[in-house]
Amino acid sequence: MNRLARTCAIALTIFACADIVAANAADIPTRKAPPAPAPVYAPPPLFTWTGFYAGLNAGAIFGNTGSTKTIGTPAFIGLGPTLVPSSLDTAGTGFIGGGQIGYNYQIGSIVFGAEADLDYSSLEKSARFTSAATVLGTTLTTDAKSRLDYLGTLRARLGYALYDRLLVFATGGLAYGGVRTSTDVIPNAIPGGLWSGSTSGGKAGYAVGGGAEYALTNYWTVKGEYLYYDLGKRTTSAVGNGVVRGIAALNGVDYISSTRVAGSVVRLGLNYKF
């Protein structure tokens, strides 16, 4: 009996010790890393048009038709009203391309901006008219030429942002360009006779238009744009040479033309937004 009691006591002691060890083991800190937090979805930031940008553009330029007109002198017109044309088409079509810089500021869907650009232009056109009538036994051939070497603008822009990344805008402001014009009048039956004149230099006026721009990414945008420009008129005086002035009826009789420097620009652009 005593042996059975001792055996039971030993067994109870062993079970008690096992419970204590298990309890202490549960209190030992683990070396495992804590579980990672669940990922939180963050929507991408909304695109904004606010900021500086710079880029390149290229397109086509079209001059106004009937751009060179005869305006005098009265003495020359008095030689015969049909000896020279009332107007000549020196408008033409050419390539235009260059660069632009600008800044936009967006408030809600409204975008205010300013842009400056400077483009090379190949716009050039010559026109010729030969009279059917004669003066002093000769017909007259009138040649006129107009060229726009470059075109620049400084414009305000006002736009409305559609669908976050699409901007439609109107624009207008200062325009300026390098203009060259020339006029020659040749008395065909008078060897060496010539009235000739040319002008060159800068002209300023205005440009208005509009377009649309789309953000391909947060940094790159593409645009399509139309502008109408008007740089005013350029007057060219064609003065008779020595042969013409040697003829008494033509001495001091000079020819004057006026060229209107205006037209349209259609172009595409690529901008990088800073």
C-alpha atoms as a PDB file:
ATOM      1  CA  MET A   1       0.000   0.000   0.000  1.00  0.00           C
ATOM      2  CA  ASN A   2       2.774   2.402   0.877  1.00  0.00           C
ATOM      3  CA  ARG A   3       4.498   1.527  -2.406  1.00  0.00           C
ATOM      4  CA  LEU A   4       1.327   2.298  -4.378  1.00  0.00           C
ATOM      5  CA  ALA A   5       0.959   5.638  -2.615  1.00  0.00           C
ATOM      6  CA  ARG A   6       4.538   6.577  -3.356  1.00  0.00           C
ATOM      7  CA  THR A   7       4.114   5.657  -7.025  1.00  0.00           C
ATOM      8  CA  CYS A   8       0.996   7.830  -7.308  1.00  0.00           C
ATOM      9  CA  ALA A   9       2.797  10.760  -5.625  1.00  0.00           C
ATOM     10  CA  ILE A  10       5.725  10.518  -8.028  1.00  0.00           C
ATOM     11  CA  ALA A  11       3.369  10.466 -11.035  1.00  0.00           C
ATOM     12  CA  LEU A  12       1.477  13.506  -9.802  1.00  0.00           C
ATOM     13  CA  THR A  13       4.788  15.344  -9.301  1.00  0.00           C
ATOM     14  CA  ILE A  14       5.926  14.577 -12.867  1.00  0.00           C
ATOM     15  CA  PHE A  15       2.632  15.836 -14.356  1.00  0.00           C
ATOM     16  CA  ALA A  16       2.830  19.016 -12.289  1.00  0.00           C
ATOM     17  CA  CYS A  17       6.398  19.708 -13.462  1.00  0.00           C
ATOM     18  CA  ALA A  18       5.396  19.179 -17.087  1.00  0.00           C
ATOM     19  CA  ASP A  19       2.583  21.734 -16.731  1.00  0.00           C
ATOM     20  CA  ILE A  20       5.009  24.282 -15.231  1.00  0.00           C
ATOM     21  CA  VAL A  21       7.535  23.799 -18.074  1.00  0.00           C
ATOM     22  CA  ALA A  22       4.807  24.158 -20.707  1.00  0.00           C
ATOM     23  CA  ALA A  23       3.529  27.335 -19.064  1.00  0.00           C
ATOM     24  CA  ASN A  24       7.015  28.862 -18.906  1.00  0.00           C
ATOM     25  CA  ALA A  25       7.717  27.912 -22.513  1.00  0.00           C
ATOM     26  CA  ALA A  26       4.612  29.806 -23.590  1.00  0.00           C
ATOM     27  CA  ASP A  27       6.014  32.946 -21.957  1.00  0.00           C
ATOM     28  CA  ILE A  28       9.375  32.828 -23.847  1.00  0.00           C
ATOM     29  CA  PRO A  29       9.408  35.560 -26.582  1.00  0.00           C
ATOM     30  CA  THR A  30       9.431  34.277 -30.159  1.00  0.00           C
ATOM     31  CA  ARG A  31      12.010  35.329 -32.764  1.00  0.00           C
ATOM     32  CA  LYS A  32       9.526  35.307 -35.637  1.00  0.00           C
ATOM     33  CA  ALA A  33       8.859  38.644 -37.401  1.00  0.00           C
ATOM     34  CA  PRO A  34       5.439  40.173 -36.766  1.00  0.00           C
ATOM     35  CA  PRO A  35       2.948  39.623 -39.573  1.00  0.00           C
ATOM     36  CA  ALA A  36       3.112  42.245 -42.356  1.00  0.00           C
ATOM     37  CA  PRO A  37       0.262  44.763 -42.378  1.00  0.00           C
ATOM     38  CA  ALA A  38      -2.344  44.317 -45.045  1.00  0.00           C
ATOM     39  CA  PRO A  39      -1.560  46.421 -48.192  1.00  0.00           C
ATOM     40  CA  VAL A  40      -3.460  49.683 -48.435  1.00  0.00           C
ATOM     41  CA  TYR A  41      -4.553  50.740 -51.967  1.00  0.00           C
ATOM     42  CA  ALA A  42      -3.635  54.327 -52.815  1.00  0.00           C
ATOM     43  CA  PRO A  43      -5.243  55.801 -55.959  1.00  0.00           C
ATOM     44  CA  PRO A  44      -2.828  57.496 -58.401  1.00  0.00           C
ATOM     45  CA  PRO A  45      -2.566  61.281 -58.004  1.00  0.00           C
ATOM     46  CA  LEU A  46      -4.809  63.366 -60.263  1.00  0.00           C
ATOM     47  CA  PHE A  47      -3.097  65.028 -63.220  1.00  0.00           C
ATOM     48  CA  THR A  48      -2.768  68.813 -63.074  1.00  0.00           C
ATOM     49  CA  TRP A  49      -1.938  71.240 -65.871  1.00  0.00           C
ATOM     50  CA  THR A  50      -0.246  73.624 -63.454  1.00  0.00           C
ATOM     51  CA  GLY A  51       3.457  74.143 -64.155  1.00  0.00           C
ATOM     52  CA  PHE A  52       6.068  75.171 -66.696  1.00  0.00           C
ATOM     53  CA  TYR A  53       6.511  73.365 -70.007  1.00  0.00           C
ATOM     54  CA  ALA A  54       8.664  73.501 -73.146  1.00  0.00           C
ATOM     55  CA  GLY A  55       8.506  71.718 -76.463  1.00  0.00           C
ATOM     56  CA  LEU A  56       8.676  71.631 -80.250  1.00  0.00           C
ATOM     57  CA  ASN A  57       6.111  72.175 -83.000  1.00  0.00           C
ATOM     58  CA  ALA A  58       5.780  71.754 -86.765  1.00  0.00           C
ATOM     59  CA  GLY A  59       3.071  72.305 -89.328  1.00  0.00           C
ATOM     60  CA  ALA A  60       1.937  74.310 -92.341  1.00  0.00           C
ATOM     61  CA  ILE A  61       1.519  78.045 -92.925  1.00  0.00           C
ATOM     62  CA  PHE A  62      -0.831  79.609 -95.486  1.00  0.00           C
ATOM     63  CA  GLY A  63      -0.703  83.230 -96.662  1.00  0.00           C
ATOM     64  CA  ASN A  64      -3.780  85.279 -97.531  1.00  0.00           C
ATOM     65  CA  THR A  65      -4.697  85.334-101.225  1.00  0.00           C
ATOM     66  CA  GLY A  66      -4.506  88.523-103.291  1.00  0.00           C
ATOM     67  CA  SER A  67      -2.018  89.914-100.817  1.00  0.00           C
ATOM     68  CA  THR A  68      -0.058  92.401-103.004  1.00  0.00           C
ATOM     69  CA  LYS A  69      -1.978  95.399-104.327  1.00  0.00           C
ATOM     70  CA  THR A  70      -1.071  98.349-106.533  1.00  0.00           C
ATOM     71  CA  ILE A  71      -1.577 101.642-104.681  1.00  0.00           C
ATOM     72  CA  GLY A  72       0.184 104.229-106.874  1.00  0.00           C
ATOM     73  CA  THR A  73       1.794 106.442-107.629  1.00  0.00           C
ATOM     74  CA  PRO A  74      -0.887 108.482-109.362  1.00  0.00           C
ATOM     75  CA  ALA A  75       1.601 109.338-112.124  1.00  0.00           C
ATOM     76  CA  PHE A  76       2.274 105.668-112.800  1.00  0.00           C
ATOM     77  CA  ILE A  77      -1.428 104.762-112.745  1.00  0.00           C
ATOM     78  CA  GLY A  78      -1.967 107.670-115.093  1.00  0.00           C
ATOM     79  CA  LEU A  79       0.124 105.922-117.742  1.00  0.00           C
ATOM     80  CA  GLY A  80      -2.761 103.489-118.174  1.00  0.00           C
ATOM     81  CA  PRO A  81      -5.112 101.792-115.696  1.00  0.00           C
ATOM     82  CA  THR A  82      -4.579  98.322-117.193  1.00  0.00           C
ATOM     83  CA  LEU A  83      -0.779  98.419-117.389  1.00  0.00           C
ATOM     84  CA  VAL A  84      -0.330  96.974-113.878  1.00  0.00           C
ATOM     85  CA  PRO A  85      -2.512  94.544-111.899  1.00  0.00           C
ATOM     86  CA  SER A  86      -4.891  95.686-109.198  1.00  0.00           C
ATOM     87  CA  SER A  87      -3.560  92.811-107.076  1.00  0.00           C
ATOM     88  CA  LEU A  88      -1.199  89.849-107.251  1.00  0.00           C
ATOM     89  CA  ASP A  89      -1.430  86.611-105.312  1.00  0.00           C
ATOM     90  CA  THR A  90       1.789  86.407-103.292  1.00  0.00           C
ATOM     91  CA  ALA A  91       0.240  84.301-100.526  1.00  0.00           C
ATOM     92  CA  GLY A  92       1.726  80.846-100.924  1.00  0.00           C
ATOM     93  CA  THR A  93       2.005  77.852 -98.633  1.00  0.00           C
ATOM     94  CA  GLY A  94       5.007  76.691 -96.637  1.00  0.00           C
ATOM     95  CA  PHE A  95       6.453  74.748 -93.743  1.00  0.00           C
ATOM     96  CA  ILE A  96       6.640  76.196 -90.249  1.00  0.00           C
ATOM     97  CA  GLY A  97       8.401  74.734 -87.229  1.00  0.00           C
ATOM     98  CA  GLY A  98      10.184  75.709 -84.045  1.00  0.00           C
ATOM     99  CA  GLY A  99       9.806  75.676 -80.290  1.00  0.00           C
ATOM    100  CA  GLN A 100       7.660  77.027 -77.477  1.00  0.00           C
ATOM    101  CA  ILE A 101       7.761  77.600 -73.739  1.00  0.00           C
ATOM    102  CA  GLY A 102       4.898  78.367 -71.398  1.00  0.00           C
ATOM    103  CA  TYR A 103       3.222  78.160 -68.019  1.00  0.00           C
ATOM    104  CA  ASN A 104      -0.237  76.949 -66.975  1.00  0.00           C
ATOM    105  CA  TYR A 105      -2.168  77.428 -63.745  1.00  0.00           C
ATOM    106  CA  GLN A 106      -5.229  75.278 -63.079  1.00  0.00           C
ATOM    107  CA  ILE A 107      -8.162  76.194 -60.814  1.00  0.00           C
ATOM    108  CA  GLY A 108     -10.759  73.445 -60.876  1.00  0.00           C
ATOM    109  CA  SER A 109     -11.363  72.719 -64.552  1.00  0.00           C
ATOM    110  CA  ILE A 110     -10.238  76.187 -65.713  1.00  0.00           C
ATOM    111  CA  VAL A 111      -6.661  76.552 -66.943  1.00  0.00           C
ATOM    112  CA  PHE A 112      -4.972  79.944 -67.346  1.00  0.00           C
ATOM    113  CA  GLY A 113      -1.691  80.132 -69.234  1.00  0.00           C
ATOM    114  CA  ALA A 114       0.847  82.090 -71.233  1.00  0.00           C
ATOM    115  CA  GLU A 115       2.965  80.833 -74.130  1.00  0.00           C
ATOM    116  CA  ALA A 116       5.814  82.200 -76.256  1.00  0.00           C
ATOM    117  CA  ASP A 117       6.994  80.550 -79.467  1.00  0.00           C
ATOM    118  CA  LEU A 118       9.404  81.244 -82.308  1.00  0.00           C
ATOM    119  CA  ASP A 119       9.189  79.358 -85.622  1.00  0.00           C
ATOM    120  CA  TYR A 120      11.121  79.209 -88.874  1.00  0.00           C
ATOM    121  CA  SER A 121       8.912  79.743 -91.923  1.00  0.00           C
ATOM    122  CA  SER A 122       9.455  78.796 -95.564  1.00  0.00           C
ATOM    123  CA  LEU A 123       6.413  80.789 -96.736  1.00  0.00           C
ATOM    124  CA  GLU A 124       7.324  82.401-100.057  1.00  0.00           C
ATOM    125  CA  LYS A 125       5.434  83.202-103.249  1.00  0.00           C
ATOM    126  CA  SER A 126       6.098  85.043-106.508  1.00  0.00           C
ATOM    127  CA  ALA A 127       3.486  86.313-108.952  1.00  0.00           C
ATOM    128  CA  ARG A 128       3.682  87.890-112.423  1.00  0.00           C
ATOM    129  CA  PHE A 129       1.381  89.996-114.573  1.00  0.00           C
ATOM    130  CA  THR A 130       1.966  91.151-118.178  1.00  0.00           C
ATOM    131  CA  SER A 131      -0.248  93.892-119.506  1.00  0.00           C
ATOM    132  CA  ALA A 132      -2.145  93.658-122.762  1.00  0.00           C
ATOM    133  CA  ALA A 133      -2.115  97.441-123.139  1.00  0.00           C
ATOM    134  CA  THR A 134       0.986  99.394-124.103  1.00  0.00           C
ATOM    135  CA  VAL A 135       2.598 102.677-123.124  1.00  0.00           C
ATOM    136  CA  LEU A 136       5.242 104.317-125.323  1.00  0.00           C
ATOM    137  CA  GLY A 137       5.060 101.245-127.538  1.00  0.00           C
ATOM    138  CA  THR A 138       5.736  98.653-124.832  1.00  0.00           C
ATOM    139  CA  THR A 139       3.835  96.311-122.566  1.00  0.00           C
ATOM    140  CA  LEU A 140       4.784  96.070-118.871  1.00  0.00           C
ATOM    141  CA  THR A 141       5.535  92.934-116.863  1.00  0.00           C
ATOM    142  CA  THR A 142       5.055  93.246-113.104  1.00  0.00           C
ATOM    143  CA  ASP A 143       6.767  90.783-110.766  1.00  0.00           C
ATOM    144  CA  ALA A 144       6.009  90.697-107.034  1.00  0.00           C
ATOM    145  CA  LYS A 145       7.480  88.467-104.334  1.00  0.00           C
ATOM    146  CA  SER A 146       6.754  88.065-100.629  1.00  0.00           C
ATOM    147  CA  ARG A 147       8.554  85.945 -98.013  1.00  0.00           C
ATOM    148  CA  LEU A 148       8.058  85.353 -94.282  1.00  0.00           C
ATOM    149  CA  ASP A 149      11.349  84.163 -92.750  1.00  0.00           C
ATOM    150  CA  TYR A 150      10.139  83.575 -89.210  1.00  0.00           C
ATOM    151  CA  LEU A 151       7.031  83.974 -87.075  1.00  0.00           C
ATOM    152  CA  GLY A 152       6.874  84.384 -83.310  1.00  0.00           C
ATOM    153  CA  THR A 153       4.051  84.956 -80.858  1.00  0.00           C
ATOM    154  CA  LEU A 154       3.511  85.870 -77.206  1.00  0.00           C
ATOM    155  CA  ARG A 155      -0.019  84.796 -76.273  1.00  0.00           C
ATOM    156  CA  ALA A 156      -2.373  84.264 -73.351  1.00  0.00           C
ATOM    157  CA  ARG A 157      -4.264  80.956 -73.167  1.00  0.00           C
ATOM    158  CA  LEU A 158      -7.589  80.165 -71.525  1.00  0.00           C
ATOM    159  CA  GLY A 159      -8.662  76.530 -71.410  1.00  0.00           C
ATOM    160  CA  TYR A 160     -11.071  74.020 -69.936  1.00  0.00           C
ATOM    161  CA  ALA A 161      -9.855  70.600 -68.767  1.00  0.00           C
ATOM    162  CA  LEU A 162     -12.031  67.732 -69.963  1.00  0.00           C
ATOM    163  CA  TYR A 163     -11.707  64.201 -68.570  1.00  0.00           C
ATOM    164  CA  ASP A 164      -8.702  65.250 -66.444  1.00  0.00           C
ATOM    165  CA  ARG A 165      -6.091  64.990 -69.221  1.00  0.00           C
ATOM    166  CA  LEU A 166      -7.754  66.682 -72.193  1.00  0.00           C
ATOM    167  CA  LEU A 167      -7.511  70.469 -72.451  1.00  0.00           C
ATOM    168  CA  VAL A 168      -9.322  72.633 -75.005  1.00  0.00           C
ATOM    169  CA  PHE A 169      -8.198  76.249 -75.205  1.00  0.00           C
ATOM    170  CA  ALA A 170      -8.496  79.616 -76.916  1.00  0.00           C
ATOM    171  CA  THR A 171      -5.473  81.847 -77.352  1.00  0.00           C
ATOM    172  CA  GLY A 172      -4.495  85.314 -78.550  1.00  0.00           C
ATOM    173  CA  GLY A 173      -1.838  87.996 -78.296  1.00  0.00           C
ATOM    174  CA  LEU A 174       1.190  89.565 -79.983  1.00  0.00           C
ATOM    175  CA  ALA A 175       2.654  88.218 -83.230  1.00  0.00           C
ATOM    176  CA  TYR A 176       5.835  89.296 -85.003  1.00  0.00           C
ATOM    177  CA  GLY A 177       7.812  88.135 -88.022  1.00  0.00           C
ATOM    178  CA  GLY A 178      10.605  88.783 -90.490  1.00  0.00           C
ATOM    179  CA  VAL A 179       9.140  89.987 -93.793  1.00  0.00           C
ATOM    180  CA  ARG A 180      10.778  90.470 -97.192  1.00  0.00           C
ATOM    181  CA  THR A 181       8.969  91.902-100.211  1.00  0.00           C
ATOM    182  CA  SER A 182      10.129  92.948-103.673  1.00  0.00           C
ATOM    183  CA  THR A 183       8.541  94.379-106.814  1.00  0.00           C
ATOM    184  CA  ASP A 184       9.925  94.743-110.351  1.00  0.00           C
ATOM    185  CA  VAL A 185       8.215  96.322-113.365  1.00  0.00           C
ATOM    186  CA  ILE A 186       9.841  95.660-116.751  1.00  0.00           C
ATOM    187  CA  PRO A 187       9.017  97.666-119.913  1.00  0.00           C
ATOM    188  CA  ASN A 188       9.431  94.771-122.325  1.00  0.00           C
ATOM    189  CA  ALA A 189      10.294  96.820-125.454  1.00  0.00           C
ATOM    190  CA  ILE A 190      12.794  99.097-123.711  1.00  0.00           C
ATOM    191  CA  PRO A 191      16.126  97.208-123.361  1.00  0.00           C
ATOM    192  CA  GLY A 192      17.579  97.574-119.853  1.00  0.00           C
ATOM    193  CA  GLY A 193      14.561  99.477-118.546  1.00  0.00           C
ATOM    194  CA  LEU A 194      13.417  98.547-115.035  1.00  0.00           C
ATOM    195  CA  TRP A 195      11.515  99.760-112.023  1.00  0.00           C
ATOM    196  CA  SER A 196      12.732  97.862-108.958  1.00  0.00           C
ATOM    197  CA  GLY A 197      12.357  97.958-105.172  1.00  0.00           C
ATOM    198  CA  SER A 198      12.527  95.732-102.086  1.00  0.00           C
ATOM    199  CA  THR A 199      12.033  95.922 -98.328  1.00  0.00           C
ATOM    200  CA  SER A 200      12.983  93.675 -95.414  1.00  0.00           C
ATOM    201  CA  GLY A 201      12.697  93.732 -91.642  1.00  0.00           C
ATOM    202  CA  GLY A 202      10.482  92.902 -88.721  1.00  0.00           C
ATOM    203  CA  LYS A 203       6.745  93.480 -88.530  1.00  0.00           C
ATOM    204  CA  ALA A 204       4.419  93.162 -85.531  1.00  0.00           C
ATOM    205  CA  GLY A 205       0.714  92.488 -85.247  1.00  0.00           C
ATOM    206  CA  TYR A 206      -1.576  89.985 -83.571  1.00  0.00           C
ATOM    207  CA  ALA A 207      -2.451  86.289 -83.547  1.00  0.00           C
ATOM    208  CA  VAL A 208      -5.630  84.517 -82.388  1.00  0.00           C
ATOM    209  CA  GLY A 209      -6.699  80.895 -82.444  1.00  0.00           C
ATOM    210  CA  GLY A 210      -7.353  77.780 -80.426  1.00  0.00           C
ATOM    211  CA  GLY A 211      -6.701  74.083 -80.101  1.00  0.00           C
ATOM    212  CA  ALA A 212      -6.604  71.013 -77.891  1.00  0.00           C
ATOM    213  CA  GLU A 213      -3.876  69.371 -75.801  1.00  0.00           C
ATOM    214  CA  TYR A 214      -3.736  65.870 -74.329  1.00  0.00           C
ATOM    215  CA  ALA A 215      -1.498  64.582 -71.514  1.00  0.00           C
ATOM    216  CA  LEU A 216       0.053  61.262 -72.557  1.00  0.00           C
ATOM    217  CA  THR A 217       1.747  60.943 -69.152  1.00  0.00           C
ATOM    218  CA  ASN A 218       2.268  63.255 -66.171  1.00  0.00           C
ATOM    219  CA  TYR A 219       5.175  64.809 -68.097  1.00  0.00           C
ATOM    220  CA  TRP A 220       4.490  64.560 -71.854  1.00  0.00           C
ATOM    221  CA  THR A 221       1.634  66.257 -73.722  1.00  0.00           C
ATOM    222  CA  VAL A 222       0.686  66.592 -77.394  1.00  0.00           C
ATOM    223  CA  LYS A 223      -1.325  69.419 -78.928  1.00  0.00           C
ATOM    224  CA  GLY A 224      -2.985  70.507 -82.143  1.00  0.00           C
ATOM    225  CA  GLU A 225      -3.364  74.227 -82.780  1.00  0.00           C
ATOM    226  CA  TYR A 226      -4.741  76.743 -85.291  1.00  0.00           C
ATOM    227  CA  LEU A 227      -3.608  80.382 -85.399  1.00  0.00           C
ATOM    228  CA  TYR A 228      -4.589  83.319 -87.575  1.00  0.00           C
ATOM    229  CA  TYR A 229      -1.862  85.977 -87.728  1.00  0.00           C
ATOM    230  CA  ASP A 230      -1.895  89.517 -89.142  1.00  0.00           C
ATOM    231  CA  LEU A 231       1.304  91.573 -89.222  1.00  0.00           C
ATOM    232  CA  GLY A 232      -0.186  94.507 -91.126  1.00  0.00           C
ATOM    233  CA  LYS A 233       0.971  95.928 -94.467  1.00  0.00           C
ATOM    234  CA  ARG A 234       4.407  96.358 -95.995  1.00  0.00           C
ATOM    235  CA  THR A 235       4.855  99.051 -98.686  1.00  0.00           C
ATOM    236  CA  THR A 236       7.393  98.553-101.475  1.00  0.00           C
ATOM    237  CA  SER A 237       8.495 101.331-103.830  1.00  0.00           C
ATOM    238  CA  ALA A 238       9.852 100.352-107.241  1.00  0.00           C
ATOM    239  CA  VAL A 239      12.060 103.182-108.530  1.00  0.00           C
ATOM    240  CA  GLY A 240      12.950 103.554-112.187  1.00  0.00           C
ATOM    241  CA  ASN A 241      16.579 102.975-113.148  1.00  0.00           C
ATOM    242  CA  GLY A 242      18.680 105.226-115.376  1.00  0.00           C
ATOM    243  CA  VAL A 243      17.227 103.868-118.601  1.00  0.00           C
ATOM    244  CA  VAL A 244      13.659 104.587-117.464  1.00  0.00           C
ATOM    245  CA  ARG A 245      14.558 108.018-116.107  1.00  0.00           C
ATOM    246  CA  GLY A 246      16.224 108.842-119.386  1.00  0.00           C
ATOM    247  CA  ILE A 247      12.809 108.804-121.034  1.00  0.00           C
ATOM    248  CA  ALA A 248      11.155 112.161-120.392  1.00  0.00           C
ATOM    249  CA  ALA A 249       7.616 110.750-120.098  1.00  0.00           C
ATOM    250  CA  LEU A 250       8.792 108.260-117.431  1.00  0.00           C
ATOM    251  CA  ASN A 251      11.259 110.405-115.487  1.00  0.00           C
ATOM    252  CA  GLY A 252      10.114 110.509-111.849  1.00  0.00           C
ATOM    253  CA  VAL A 253       7.254 108.071-112.440  1.00  0.00           C
ATOM    254  CA  ASP A 254       7.610 105.294-109.849  1.00  0.00           C
ATOM    255  CA  TYR A 255       5.549 102.256-108.871  1.00  0.00           C
ATOM    256  CA  ILE A 256       4.335 101.460-105.336  1.00  0.00           C
ATOM    257  CA  SER A 257       2.739  98.249-104.064  1.00  0.00           C
ATOM    258  CA  SER A 258       1.358  97.230-100.685  1.00  0.00           C
ATOM    259  CA  THR A 259       1.588  93.671 -99.342  1.00  0.00           C
ATOM    260  CA  ARG A 260      -0.600  92.463 -96.493  1.00  0.00           C
ATOM    261  CA  VAL A 261       1.316  89.991 -94.310  1.00  0.00           C
ATOM    262  CA  ALA A 262      -1.393  87.736 -92.888  1.00  0.00           C
ATOM    263  CA  GLY A 263      -2.435  84.111 -92.966  1.00  0.00           C
ATOM    264  CA  SER A 264      -3.082  80.903 -91.062  1.00  0.00           C
ATOM    265  CA  VAL A 265      -0.974  78.338 -89.206  1.00  0.00           C
ATOM    266  CA  VAL A 266      -1.951  74.721 -88.526  1.00  0.00           C
ATOM    267  CA  ARG A 267       0.553  72.774 -86.429  1.00  0.00           C
ATOM    268  CA  LEU A 268       1.165  69.924 -83.993  1.00  0.00           C
ATOM    269  CA  GLY A 269       3.308  70.211 -80.867  1.00  0.00           C
ATOM    270  CA  LEU A 270       4.980  68.020 -78.265  1.00  0.00           C
ATOM    271  CA  ASN A 271       5.589  69.446 -74.760  1.00  0.00           C
ATOM    272  CA  TYR A 272       7.501  68.302 -71.693  1.00  0.00           C
ATOM    273  CA  LYS A 273       5.901  69.449 -68.439  1.00  0.00           C
ATOM    274  CA  PHE A 274       8.311  70.215 -65.586  1.00  0.00           C
END
